[in-house]
Amino acid sequence: MSWRGSIDIKDRILSVLIYPIVVIFTRGLGLIGLVIFFALFAGVVRNPQVSHFLRYNTMQAILIDILFILYGMVLNLLLPLLGGSILSQILVTIGFFAPLGACLYSMVQSGLGRYAEIPTISDAAYSQVR
């Protein structure tokens, strides 16, 4: 990942806060969550006046959220087929801890002023904010 200049404390704090904002507000509020998603995408990710670090972290938070929303949809289709098996419990646990771990890792890296590198997700986020 190429660095785009120094990262000030304001960008670090906003980048740390963006992960819980995206995860909490886009999932729990229905249509309002969709509005927040588009507002963040149009107002932050696509705005060249916002620092690259903040745009990158916002896009990465959005992609993490989209990925695990899709995972949840697929899981909802599979759970009736799997019943109460151990495999279904494992898949549900992964659906909780994977996004939590990805967000916590990204928040710590953002707080330290580093770009969080999550395979494939980071590449997609970086390509959106060039």
C-alpha atoms as a PDB file:
ATOM      1  CA  MET A   1       0.000   0.000   0.000  1.00  0.00           C
ATOM      2  CA  SER A   2       1.453   3.333  -0.930  1.00  0.00           C
ATOM      3  CA  TRP A   3       1.313   6.088   1.643  1.00  0.00           C
ATOM      4  CA  ARG A   4      -0.375   9.347   0.737  1.00  0.00           C
ATOM      5  CA  GLY A   5       1.368  11.777   3.062  1.00  0.00           C
ATOM      6  CA  SER A   6       1.181  12.149   6.795  1.00  0.00           C
ATOM      7  CA  ILE A   7      -1.921  11.154   8.721  1.00  0.00           C
ATOM      8  CA  ASP A   8      -3.068  13.622  11.348  1.00  0.00           C
ATOM      9  CA  ILE A   9      -4.856  12.753  14.584  1.00  0.00           C
ATOM     10  CA  LYS A  10      -8.250  13.953  13.307  1.00  0.00           C
ATOM     11  CA  ASP A  11      -8.147  11.481  10.412  1.00  0.00           C
ATOM     12  CA  ARG A  12      -7.083   8.698  12.766  1.00  0.00           C
ATOM     13  CA  ILE A  13      -9.975   9.333  15.147  1.00  0.00           C
ATOM     14  CA  LEU A  14     -12.549   9.609  12.349  1.00  0.00           C
ATOM     15  CA  SER A  15     -11.190   6.444  10.726  1.00  0.00           C
ATOM     16  CA  VAL A  16     -11.513   4.545  14.006  1.00  0.00           C
ATOM     17  CA  LEU A  17     -15.090   5.771  14.490  1.00  0.00           C
ATOM     18  CA  ILE A  18     -16.230   5.023  10.946  1.00  0.00           C
ATOM     19  CA  TYR A  19     -16.175   1.231  11.425  1.00  0.00           C
ATOM     20  CA  PRO A  20     -18.748   1.055  14.243  1.00  0.00           C
ATOM     21  CA  ILE A  21     -20.830   3.754  12.547  1.00  0.00           C
ATOM     22  CA  VAL A  22     -21.064   1.758   9.328  1.00  0.00           C
ATOM     23  CA  VAL A  23     -21.733  -1.578  11.015  1.00  0.00           C
ATOM     24  CA  ILE A  24     -24.305  -0.293  13.498  1.00  0.00           C
ATOM     25  CA  PHE A  25     -26.214   2.194  11.366  1.00  0.00           C
ATOM     26  CA  THR A  26     -26.356   0.348   8.069  1.00  0.00           C
ATOM     27  CA  ARG A  27     -27.654  -2.883   9.598  1.00  0.00           C
ATOM     28  CA  GLY A  28     -30.099  -1.794  12.260  1.00  0.00           C
ATOM     29  CA  LEU A  29     -32.008   1.046  10.675  1.00  0.00           C
ATOM     30  CA  GLY A  30     -33.402  -0.344   7.414  1.00  0.00           C
ATOM     31  CA  LEU A  31     -33.983   2.423   4.869  1.00  0.00           C
ATOM     32  CA  ILE A  32     -32.144   4.995   6.982  1.00  0.00           C
ATOM     33  CA  GLY A  33     -29.137   2.663   6.903  1.00  0.00           C
ATOM     34  CA  LEU A  34     -29.272   2.644   3.106  1.00  0.00           C
ATOM     35  CA  VAL A  35     -29.336   6.448   3.078  1.00  0.00           C
ATOM     36  CA  ILE A  36     -26.333   6.536   5.436  1.00  0.00           C
ATOM     37  CA  PHE A  37     -24.520   4.071   3.175  1.00  0.00           C
ATOM     38  CA  PHE A  38     -25.024   6.220   0.077  1.00  0.00           C
ATOM     39  CA  ALA A  39     -24.187   9.398   1.988  1.00  0.00           C
ATOM     40  CA  LEU A  40     -20.885   7.920   3.167  1.00  0.00           C
ATOM     41  CA  PHE A  41     -20.080   6.587  -0.280  1.00  0.00           C
ATOM     42  CA  ALA A  42     -20.895   9.814  -2.114  1.00  0.00           C
ATOM     43  CA  GLY A  43     -19.827  12.284   0.584  1.00  0.00           C
ATOM     44  CA  VAL A  44     -16.652  10.637   1.848  1.00  0.00           C
ATOM     45  CA  VAL A  45     -15.357   7.933  -0.495  1.00  0.00           C
ATOM     46  CA  ARG A  46     -15.894   9.891  -3.718  1.00  0.00           C
ATOM     47  CA  ASN A  47     -14.866  13.275  -2.285  1.00  0.00           C
ATOM     48  CA  PRO A  48     -11.247  14.123  -3.212  1.00  0.00           C
ATOM     49  CA  GLN A  49     -11.171  16.898  -0.578  1.00  0.00           C
ATOM     50  CA  VAL A  50     -11.330  14.250   2.172  1.00  0.00           C
ATOM     51  CA  SER A  51      -8.000  12.658   3.068  1.00  0.00           C
ATOM     52  CA  HIS A  52      -7.073   9.420   1.336  1.00  0.00           C
ATOM     53  CA  PHE A  53      -6.720   7.655   4.691  1.00  0.00           C
ATOM     54  CA  LEU A  54     -10.291   8.456   5.734  1.00  0.00           C
ATOM     55  CA  ARG A  55     -11.728   7.632   2.308  1.00  0.00           C
ATOM     56  CA  TYR A  56      -9.881   4.295   2.287  1.00  0.00           C
ATOM     57  CA  ASN A  57     -11.099   3.323   5.765  1.00  0.00           C
ATOM     58  CA  THR A  58     -14.665   4.363   4.978  1.00  0.00           C
ATOM     59  CA  MET A  59     -14.667   2.260   1.824  1.00  0.00           C
ATOM     60  CA  GLN A  60     -13.143  -0.678   3.657  1.00  0.00           C
ATOM     61  CA  ALA A  61     -15.791  -0.462   6.397  1.00  0.00           C
ATOM     62  CA  ILE A  62     -18.529  -0.396   3.751  1.00  0.00           C
ATOM     63  CA  LEU A  63     -17.045  -3.415   1.986  1.00  0.00           C
ATOM     64  CA  ILE A  64     -16.723  -5.391   5.233  1.00  0.00           C
ATOM     65  CA  ASP A  65     -20.354  -4.630   5.977  1.00  0.00           C
ATOM     66  CA  ILE A  66     -21.535  -5.617   2.482  1.00  0.00           C
ATOM     67  CA  LEU A  67     -19.535  -8.837   2.581  1.00  0.00           C
ATOM     68  CA  PHE A  68     -21.049  -9.966   5.851  1.00  0.00           C
ATOM     69  CA  ILE A  69     -24.559  -8.882   4.929  1.00  0.00           C
ATOM     70  CA  LEU A  70     -24.231 -11.194   1.920  1.00  0.00           C
ATOM     71  CA  TYR A  71     -22.785 -13.897   4.180  1.00  0.00           C
ATOM     72  CA  GLY A  72     -25.806 -13.515   6.464  1.00  0.00           C
ATOM     73  CA  MET A  73     -28.200 -13.859   3.529  1.00  0.00           C
ATOM     74  CA  VAL A  74     -26.531 -17.059   2.358  1.00  0.00           C
ATOM     75  CA  LEU A  75     -26.469 -18.333   5.933  1.00  0.00           C
ATOM     76  CA  ASN A  76     -30.213 -17.723   6.279  1.00  0.00           C
ATOM     77  CA  LEU A  77     -30.759 -19.904   3.228  1.00  0.00           C
ATOM     78  CA  LEU A  78     -28.501 -22.683   4.548  1.00  0.00           C
ATOM     79  CA  LEU A  79     -29.624 -22.814   8.187  1.00  0.00           C
ATOM     80  CA  PRO A  80     -32.980 -24.522   7.514  1.00  0.00           C
ATOM     81  CA  LEU A  81     -31.136 -27.199   5.533  1.00  0.00           C
ATOM     82  CA  LEU A  82     -28.524 -27.748   8.241  1.00  0.00           C
ATOM     83  CA  GLY A  83     -30.951 -27.768  11.158  1.00  0.00           C
ATOM     84  CA  GLY A  84     -29.346 -27.545  14.595  1.00  0.00           C
ATOM     85  CA  SER A  85     -26.110 -29.261  13.601  1.00  0.00           C
ATOM     86  CA  ILE A  86     -22.667 -28.304  14.815  1.00  0.00           C
ATOM     87  CA  LEU A  87     -21.876 -26.995  11.328  1.00  0.00           C
ATOM     88  CA  SER A  88     -24.710 -24.468  11.535  1.00  0.00           C
ATOM     89  CA  GLN A  89     -23.448 -23.292  14.921  1.00  0.00           C
ATOM     90  CA  ILE A  90     -19.932 -22.897  13.530  1.00  0.00           C
ATOM     91  CA  LEU A  91     -21.196 -20.899  10.552  1.00  0.00           C
ATOM     92  CA  VAL A  92     -23.230 -18.587  12.796  1.00  0.00           C
ATOM     93  CA  THR A  93     -20.211 -18.061  15.049  1.00  0.00           C
ATOM     94  CA  ILE A  94     -18.034 -17.217  12.062  1.00  0.00           C
ATOM     95  CA  GLY A  95     -20.695 -14.745  10.905  1.00  0.00           C
ATOM     96  CA  PHE A  96     -20.343 -12.922  14.218  1.00  0.00           C
ATOM     97  CA  PHE A  97     -16.632 -13.094  14.972  1.00  0.00           C
ATOM     98  CA  ALA A  98     -15.210 -12.545  11.471  1.00  0.00           C
ATOM     99  CA  PRO A  99     -16.673  -9.045  10.957  1.00  0.00           C
ATOM    100  CA  LEU A 100     -15.992  -8.199  14.601  1.00  0.00           C
ATOM    101  CA  GLY A 101     -12.356  -9.225  14.212  1.00  0.00           C
ATOM    102  CA  ALA A 102     -11.990  -7.415  10.880  1.00  0.00           C
ATOM    103  CA  CYS A 103     -13.453  -4.216  12.341  1.00  0.00           C
ATOM    104  CA  LEU A 104     -11.360  -4.381  15.527  1.00  0.00           C
ATOM    105  CA  TYR A 105      -8.181  -5.026  13.543  1.00  0.00           C
ATOM    106  CA  SER A 106      -8.972  -2.143  11.194  1.00  0.00           C
ATOM    107  CA  MET A 107      -9.809   0.185  14.085  1.00  0.00           C
ATOM    108  CA  VAL A 108      -6.499  -0.562  15.839  1.00  0.00           C
ATOM    109  CA  GLN A 109      -4.517  -0.074  12.635  1.00  0.00           C
ATOM    110  CA  SER A 110      -6.363   3.171  11.898  1.00  0.00           C
ATOM    111  CA  GLY A 111      -5.700   4.432  15.407  1.00  0.00           C
ATOM    112  CA  LEU A 112      -2.000   3.769  14.851  1.00  0.00           C
ATOM    113  CA  GLY A 113      -2.130   5.648  11.536  1.00  0.00           C
ATOM    114  CA  ARG A 114      -1.588   2.556   9.383  1.00  0.00           C
ATOM    115  CA  TYR A 115      -3.594   1.225   6.481  1.00  0.00           C
ATOM    116  CA  ALA A 116      -5.318  -1.998   7.585  1.00  0.00           C
ATOM    117  CA  GLU A 117      -4.507  -4.764   5.118  1.00  0.00           C
ATOM    118  CA  ILE A 118      -7.292  -7.342   4.805  1.00  0.00           C
ATOM    119  CA  PRO A 119      -6.797  -9.573   1.755  1.00  0.00           C
ATOM    120  CA  THR A 120      -9.055  -8.763  -1.199  1.00  0.00           C
ATOM    121  CA  ILE A 121     -11.143  -6.247   0.785  1.00  0.00           C
ATOM    122  CA  SER A 122      -8.228  -3.818   1.066  1.00  0.00           C
ATOM    123  CA  ASP A 123      -7.445  -4.167  -2.629  1.00  0.00           C
ATOM    124  CA  ALA A 124     -11.052  -3.409  -3.531  1.00  0.00           C
ATOM    125  CA  ALA A 125     -11.155  -0.445  -1.144  1.00  0.00           C
ATOM    126  CA  TYR A 126      -7.897   0.932  -2.477  1.00  0.00           C
ATOM    127  CA  SER A 127      -9.067   0.649  -6.085  1.00  0.00           C
ATOM    128  CA  GLN A 128     -12.217   2.664  -5.260  1.00  0.00           C
ATOM    129  CA  VAL A 129     -10.386   5.618  -3.674  1.00  0.00           C
ATOM    130  CA  ARG A 130      -7.464   6.184  -6.041  1.00  0.00           C
END
